[in-house]
C-alpha cells in the first residue's frame, strides 16, 4: 500500500468498539487486497469477537502488537 491513504473515515464522536466495527466493515475491509494482514495495537475498542470475525470472514488475518508497559 506504500504511502497512500486508502481507508479514510471521519467520525464526529468518540471512538468505541461500535464505531470501530463500522469503520472496519464499511470502509477498511472493502478496500483491502486479498489475504491482507491487519496489525493493531491493544486499544480496548480494537478487540471484540465481531471485529475479529469480520476480518477473518473477509479472508484476512489479524495480529496485535505487543502490549506496552
N, C-alpha and C. Protein backbone atom coordinates (compact mmCIF):
# COMPACT_ATOMS: atom_id res chain seq x y z
N UNK A 1 0.82 -1.18 0.00
CA UNK A 1 0.00 0.00 0.00
C UNK A 1 0.87 1.25 0.00
N UNK A 2 2.12 1.09 0.35
CA UNK A 2 3.04 2.21 0.28
C UNK A 2 2.66 3.34 1.21
N UNK A 3 2.65 4.54 0.68
CA UNK A 3 2.35 5.72 1.48
C UNK A 3 0.99 6.31 1.17
N UNK A 4 0.14 5.56 0.51
CA UNK A 4 -1.18 6.04 0.13
C UNK A 4 -2.21 5.75 1.21
N UNK A 5 -2.98 6.76 1.58
CA UNK A 5 -4.10 6.54 2.49
C UNK A 5 -5.27 6.02 1.66
N UNK A 6 -5.87 4.93 2.08
CA UNK A 6 -6.90 4.31 1.25
C UNK A 6 -8.17 3.96 1.99
N UNK A 7 -8.23 4.10 3.28
CA UNK A 7 -9.44 3.75 4.03
C UNK A 7 -9.71 4.82 5.08
N UNK A 8 -10.04 5.98 4.60
CA UNK A 8 -10.22 7.14 5.48
C UNK A 8 -11.69 7.27 5.85
N UNK A 9 -11.94 7.49 7.13
CA UNK A 9 -13.29 7.73 7.60
C UNK A 9 -13.27 8.87 8.59
N UNK A 10 -14.28 9.69 8.58
CA UNK A 10 -14.39 10.80 9.51
C UNK A 10 -15.61 10.58 10.38
N UNK A 11 -15.38 10.48 11.68
CA UNK A 11 -16.46 10.28 12.63
C UNK A 11 -16.42 11.42 13.63
N UNK A 12 -17.52 12.09 13.84
CA UNK A 12 -17.60 13.20 14.77
C UNK A 12 -18.13 12.69 16.11
N UNK A 13 -17.31 11.85 16.75
CA UNK A 13 -17.69 11.25 18.03
C UNK A 13 -16.46 10.60 18.65
N UNK A 14 -16.61 10.11 19.85
CA UNK A 14 -15.56 9.31 20.46
C UNK A 14 -15.54 7.94 19.81
N UNK A 15 -14.35 7.41 19.62
CA UNK A 15 -14.24 6.09 19.02
C UNK A 15 -14.45 5.03 20.09
N UNK A 16 -15.35 4.11 19.81
CA UNK A 16 -15.57 2.97 20.69
C UNK A 16 -15.63 1.73 19.79
N UNK A 17 -15.92 0.60 20.38
CA UNK A 17 -15.94 -0.66 19.62
C UNK A 17 -16.98 -0.63 18.50
N UNK A 18 -18.13 -0.05 18.73
CA UNK A 18 -19.18 0.01 17.70
C UNK A 18 -18.75 0.88 16.51
N UNK A 19 -18.19 2.03 16.79
CA UNK A 19 -17.73 2.92 15.72
C UNK A 19 -16.59 2.25 14.95
N UNK A 20 -15.67 1.62 15.66
CA UNK A 20 -14.55 0.94 15.01
C UNK A 20 -15.05 -0.20 14.13
N UNK A 21 -16.05 -0.93 14.60
CA UNK A 21 -16.63 -2.02 13.80
C UNK A 21 -17.19 -1.49 12.49
N UNK A 22 -17.89 -0.36 12.55
CA UNK A 22 -18.44 0.24 11.33
C UNK A 22 -17.31 0.61 10.38
N UNK A 23 -16.25 1.22 10.89
CA UNK A 23 -15.13 1.60 10.05
C UNK A 23 -14.47 0.37 9.42
N UNK A 24 -14.27 -0.68 10.23
CA UNK A 24 -13.66 -1.92 9.72
C UNK A 24 -14.52 -2.51 8.60
N UNK A 25 -15.81 -2.68 8.85
CA UNK A 25 -16.66 -3.42 7.90
C UNK A 25 -17.08 -2.59 6.69
N UNK A 26 -17.28 -1.29 6.87
CA UNK A 26 -17.80 -0.46 5.77
C UNK A 26 -16.72 0.26 4.98
N UNK A 27 -15.57 0.51 5.61
CA UNK A 27 -14.54 1.32 4.96
C UNK A 27 -13.26 0.52 4.70
N UNK A 28 -12.70 -0.10 5.74
CA UNK A 28 -11.40 -0.77 5.57
C UNK A 28 -11.48 -2.05 4.76
N UNK A 29 -12.29 -3.00 5.19
CA UNK A 29 -12.31 -4.32 4.55
C UNK A 29 -12.63 -4.27 3.05
N UNK A 30 -13.57 -3.43 2.60
CA UNK A 30 -13.82 -3.40 1.16
C UNK A 30 -12.63 -2.89 0.33
N UNK A 31 -11.69 -2.19 0.95
CA UNK A 31 -10.56 -1.61 0.23
C UNK A 31 -9.31 -2.48 0.26
N UNK A 32 -9.25 -3.46 1.14
CA UNK A 32 -8.03 -4.26 1.30
C UNK A 32 -7.83 -5.26 0.16
N UNK A 33 -6.57 -5.46 -0.24
CA UNK A 33 -6.28 -6.55 -1.17
C UNK A 33 -6.54 -7.89 -0.49
N UNK A 34 -6.75 -8.92 -1.28
CA UNK A 34 -7.00 -10.25 -0.72
C UNK A 34 -5.85 -10.69 0.19
N UNK A 35 -6.20 -11.47 1.20
CA UNK A 35 -5.23 -12.08 2.11
C UNK A 35 -4.32 -11.07 2.79
N UNK A 36 -4.87 -9.95 3.23
CA UNK A 36 -4.10 -8.93 3.93
C UNK A 36 -3.94 -9.33 5.40
N UNK A 37 -2.90 -8.78 6.02
CA UNK A 37 -2.69 -8.93 7.45
C UNK A 37 -2.90 -7.55 8.07
N UNK A 38 -3.78 -7.48 9.06
CA UNK A 38 -4.09 -6.23 9.73
C UNK A 38 -3.40 -6.24 11.08
N UNK A 39 -2.54 -5.25 11.32
CA UNK A 39 -1.85 -5.11 12.59
C UNK A 39 -2.53 -4.00 13.38
N UNK A 40 -2.84 -4.29 14.65
CA UNK A 40 -3.48 -3.30 15.51
C UNK A 40 -2.79 -3.29 16.86
N UNK A 41 -2.88 -2.13 17.53
CA UNK A 41 -2.37 -2.08 18.89
C UNK A 41 -3.42 -2.69 19.82
N UNK A 42 -3.23 -2.57 21.09
CA UNK A 42 -4.10 -3.24 22.05
C UNK A 42 -5.15 -2.32 22.65
N UNK A 43 -5.57 -1.31 21.91
CA UNK A 43 -6.66 -0.46 22.39
C UNK A 43 -7.88 -1.34 22.63
N UNK A 44 -8.60 -1.08 23.68
CA UNK A 44 -9.72 -1.95 24.04
C UNK A 44 -10.78 -2.01 22.94
N UNK A 45 -10.98 -0.92 22.20
CA UNK A 45 -12.00 -0.94 21.16
C UNK A 45 -11.56 -1.70 19.91
N UNK A 46 -10.29 -2.06 19.81
CA UNK A 46 -9.82 -2.88 18.69
C UNK A 46 -10.20 -4.34 18.85
N UNK A 47 -10.49 -4.74 20.07
CA UNK A 47 -10.75 -6.14 20.35
C UNK A 47 -12.24 -6.40 20.52
N UNK A 48 -12.68 -7.44 19.91
CA UNK A 48 -14.07 -7.86 20.02
C UNK A 48 -14.29 -9.01 19.07
N UNK A 49 -15.09 -9.96 19.48
CA UNK A 49 -15.32 -11.15 18.65
C UNK A 49 -15.90 -10.78 17.30
N UNK A 50 -16.82 -9.81 17.26
CA UNK A 50 -17.43 -9.44 15.98
C UNK A 50 -16.42 -8.76 15.05
N UNK A 51 -15.48 -8.01 15.61
CA UNK A 51 -14.44 -7.37 14.80
C UNK A 51 -13.50 -8.43 14.24
N UNK A 52 -13.03 -9.33 15.10
CA UNK A 52 -12.15 -10.39 14.64
C UNK A 52 -12.83 -11.28 13.61
N UNK A 53 -14.09 -11.60 13.83
CA UNK A 53 -14.82 -12.47 12.92
C UNK A 53 -15.03 -11.79 11.56
N UNK A 54 -15.30 -10.50 11.56
CA UNK A 54 -15.48 -9.77 10.29
C UNK A 54 -14.20 -9.80 9.47
N UNK A 55 -13.07 -9.64 10.14
CA UNK A 55 -11.77 -9.66 9.45
C UNK A 55 -11.49 -11.04 8.89
N UNK A 56 -11.71 -12.06 9.69
CA UNK A 56 -11.47 -13.44 9.25
C UNK A 56 -12.43 -13.82 8.12
N UNK A 57 -13.70 -13.48 8.26
CA UNK A 57 -14.69 -13.81 7.23
C UNK A 57 -14.38 -13.14 5.89
N UNK A 58 -13.69 -12.00 5.95
CA UNK A 58 -13.31 -11.31 4.72
C UNK A 58 -12.03 -11.89 4.10
N UNK A 59 -11.46 -12.90 4.77
CA UNK A 59 -10.28 -13.58 4.23
C UNK A 59 -8.96 -12.95 4.63
N UNK A 60 -8.96 -12.20 5.73
CA UNK A 60 -7.74 -11.54 6.19
C UNK A 60 -7.31 -12.11 7.54
N UNK A 61 -6.12 -11.71 7.96
CA UNK A 61 -5.59 -12.12 9.26
C UNK A 61 -5.45 -10.88 10.14
N UNK A 62 -5.50 -11.11 11.44
CA UNK A 62 -5.33 -10.02 12.39
C UNK A 62 -4.18 -10.36 13.33
N UNK A 63 -3.32 -9.39 13.58
CA UNK A 63 -2.21 -9.54 14.51
C UNK A 63 -2.22 -8.33 15.43
N UNK A 64 -1.98 -8.56 16.71
CA UNK A 64 -1.92 -7.47 17.68
C UNK A 64 -0.46 -7.20 18.03
N UNK A 65 -0.12 -5.94 18.15
CA UNK A 65 1.22 -5.56 18.56
C UNK A 65 1.42 -5.97 20.02
N UNK A 66 2.66 -6.12 20.46
CA UNK A 66 2.90 -6.48 21.87
C UNK A 66 2.36 -5.40 22.80
N UNK A 67 1.98 -5.83 23.98
CA UNK A 67 1.48 -4.90 24.99
C UNK A 67 2.63 -4.03 25.46
N UNK A 68 2.38 -2.73 25.58
CA UNK A 68 3.41 -1.80 26.03
C UNK A 68 3.23 -1.56 27.51
N UNK A 69 4.36 -1.33 28.20
CA UNK A 69 4.26 -1.05 29.63
C UNK A 69 4.58 0.40 29.92
